[in-house]
C-alpha atoms as a PDB file:
ATOM      1  CA  MET A   1       0.018  -0.077  -0.049  1.00  0.00           C
ATOM      2  CA  LYS A   2       1.300   3.464  -0.847  1.00  0.00           C
ATOM      3  CA  CYS A   3       0.753   6.776   0.963  1.00  0.00           C
ATOM      4  CA  VAL A   4      -1.608   8.977  -0.812  1.00  0.00           C
ATOM      5  CA  LYS A   5       0.302  12.079   0.095  1.00  0.00           C
ATOM      6  CA  CYS A   6       4.003  11.229  -0.278  1.00  0.00           C
ATOM      7  CA  SER A   7       3.727   7.931  -2.041  1.00  0.00           C
ATOM      8  CA  GLY A   8       5.930   6.249   0.583  1.00  0.00           C
ATOM      9  CA  GLU A   9       5.725   2.388   1.065  1.00  0.00           C
ATOM     10  CA  ASP A  10       6.004   2.274   4.744  1.00  0.00           C
ATOM     11  CA  VAL A  11       2.354   2.394   5.761  1.00  0.00           C
ATOM     12  CA  THR A  12       0.797   0.567   8.761  1.00  0.00           C
ATOM     13  CA  VAL A  13      -2.854  -0.358   8.959  1.00  0.00           C
ATOM     14  CA  GLY A  14      -4.750  -0.571  12.295  1.00  0.00           C
ATOM     15  CA  PHE A  15      -8.219  -0.334  13.942  1.00  0.00           C
ATOM     16  CA  MET A  16      -9.398   2.593  15.715  1.00  0.00           C
ATOM     17  CA  GLN A  17     -12.647   3.257  17.816  1.00  0.00           C
ATOM     18  CA  ALA A  18     -14.754   5.790  15.990  1.00  0.00           C
ATOM     19  CA  GLY A  19     -17.646   5.852  18.523  1.00  0.00           C
ATOM     20  CA  GLY A  20     -19.859   4.004  20.698  1.00  0.00           C
ATOM     21  CA  ARG A  21     -23.511   3.515  21.714  1.00  0.00           C
ATOM     22  CA  THR A  22     -24.858   2.306  25.098  1.00  0.00           C
ATOM     23  CA  ALA A  23     -28.242   0.616  25.172  1.00  0.00           C
ATOM     24  CA  LYS A  24     -29.991   0.505  28.714  1.00  0.00           C
ATOM     25  CA  HIS A  25     -32.706  -2.051  29.703  1.00  0.00           C
ATOM     26  CA  GLY A  26     -34.880  -1.830  32.617  1.00  0.00           C
ATOM     27  CA  THR A  27     -35.367  -4.154  35.462  1.00  0.00           C
ATOM     28  CA  GLY A  28     -38.673  -5.592  34.332  1.00  0.00           C
ATOM     29  CA  PHE A  29     -41.510  -7.017  36.489  1.00  0.00           C
ATOM     30  CA  GLY A  30     -39.341  -9.322  38.508  1.00  0.00           C
ATOM     31  CA  GLY A  31     -36.997  -6.509  39.363  1.00  0.00           C
ATOM     32  CA  LYS A  32     -39.699  -4.089  40.389  1.00  0.00           C
ATOM     33  CA  THR A  33     -41.270  -6.793  42.516  1.00  0.00           C
ATOM     34  CA  ASN A  34     -37.882  -7.481  44.140  1.00  0.00           C
ATOM     35  CA  ASN A  35     -37.279  -3.795  44.902  1.00  0.00           C
ATOM     36  CA  ALA A  36     -40.860  -3.508  46.433  1.00  0.00           C
ATOM     37  CA  ALA A  37     -40.332  -6.335  48.631  1.00  0.00           C
ATOM     38  CA  ARG A  38     -36.880  -5.009  49.710  1.00  0.00           C
ATOM     39  CA  GLY A  39     -38.509  -1.669  50.686  1.00  0.00           C
ATOM     40  CA  ILE A  40     -41.127  -3.369  52.778  1.00  0.00           C
ATOM     41  CA  THR A  41     -38.536  -5.564  54.561  1.00  0.00           C
ATOM     42  CA  ALA A  42     -36.333  -2.452  55.026  1.00  0.00           C
ATOM     43  CA  VAL A  43     -39.170  -0.679  56.837  1.00  0.00           C
ATOM     44  CA  SER A  44     -39.727  -3.659  59.189  1.00  0.00           C
ATOM     45  CA  THR A  45     -36.096  -4.289  60.011  1.00  0.00           C
ATOM     46  CA  PHE A  46     -35.286  -0.465  60.357  1.00  0.00           C
ATOM     47  CA  GLY A  47     -33.060  -0.640  57.293  1.00  0.00           C
ATOM     48  CA  MET A  48     -30.703  -3.318  58.319  1.00  0.00           C
ATOM     49  CA  SER A  49     -31.716  -5.666  55.451  1.00  0.00           C
ATOM     50  CA  ASN A  50     -30.398  -3.191  53.074  1.00  0.00           C
ATOM     51  CA  LEU A  51     -26.874  -4.109  54.115  1.00  0.00           C
ATOM     52  CA  VAL A  52     -27.379  -7.597  52.601  1.00  0.00           C
ATOM     53  CA  TRP A  53     -30.263  -7.219  50.146  1.00  0.00           C
ATOM     54  CA  LYS A  54     -29.122  -5.036  47.092  1.00  0.00           C
ATOM     55  CA  LYS A  55     -31.384  -3.150  44.743  1.00  0.00           C
ATOM     56  CA  SER A  56     -32.042  -4.597  41.331  1.00  0.00           C
ATOM     57  CA  LYS A  57     -30.736  -2.359  38.641  1.00  0.00           C
ATOM     58  CA  GLY A  58     -31.124  -2.513  34.797  1.00  0.00           C
ATOM     59  CA  THR A  59     -28.403  -3.840  32.384  1.00  0.00           C
ATOM     60  CA  GLU A  60     -26.275  -1.810  29.962  1.00  0.00           C
ATOM     61  CA  LYS A  61     -24.616  -3.033  26.762  1.00  0.00           C
ATOM     62  CA  THR A  62     -22.140  -0.961  24.939  1.00  0.00           C
ATOM     63  CA  LYS A  63     -21.417  -1.456  21.228  1.00  0.00           C
ATOM     64  CA  PHE A  64     -18.244   0.255  19.600  1.00  0.00           C
ATOM     65  CA  ASN A  65     -17.874   1.208  16.054  1.00  0.00           C
ATOM     66  CA  ASN A  66     -14.286   0.493  14.624  1.00  0.00           C
ATOM     67  CA  GLN A  67     -12.624   2.037  11.607  1.00  0.00           C
ATOM     68  CA  LYS A  68      -9.679   0.818   9.666  1.00  0.00           C
ATOM     69  CA  VAL A  69      -7.024   3.412   9.535  1.00  0.00           C
ATOM     70  CA  ALA A  70      -3.704   3.608   7.649  1.00  0.00           C
ATOM     71  CA  LEU A  71      -0.762   5.567   8.915  1.00  0.00           C
ATOM     72  CA  CYS A  72       2.158   6.603   6.771  1.00  0.00           C
ATOM     73  CA  GLN A  73       5.470   6.103   8.871  1.00  0.00           C
ATOM     74  CA  SER A  74       7.464   8.516   6.542  1.00  0.00           C
ATOM     75  CA  CYS A  75       5.205  11.706   6.639  1.00  0.00           C
ATOM     76  CA  GLY A  76       2.705  10.954   9.413  1.00  0.00           C
ATOM     77  CA  HIS A  77      -0.420  11.252   7.149  1.00  0.00           C
ATOM     78  CA  ASP A  78      -3.483   9.042   8.200  1.00  0.00           C
ATOM     79  CA  TRP A  79      -6.631   8.136   6.226  1.00  0.00           C
ATOM     80  CA  VAL A  80      -9.616   5.854   6.561  1.00  0.00           C
ATOM     81  CA  VAL A  81      -9.219   2.707   4.393  1.00  0.00           C
ATOM     82  CA  ARG A  82     -12.424   1.358   2.987  1.00  0.00           C
END
């Protein structure tokens, strides 16, 4: 592969993260029931049950977008390879 700027032959190709997106999902019916039962138990035990019984939280999933990028070692020019 040749550099588009200086026509040098010393070019390295690598992947770079271009961006990402996080998708959040709720707790659902079972998680809300768990949190309600946890609250009722916490009232009757004066909050001591909250030391052991943790709150149900939703889940998150992150997906990253990668781009193939070439970098000329001679002049330092970089560009996106398609």
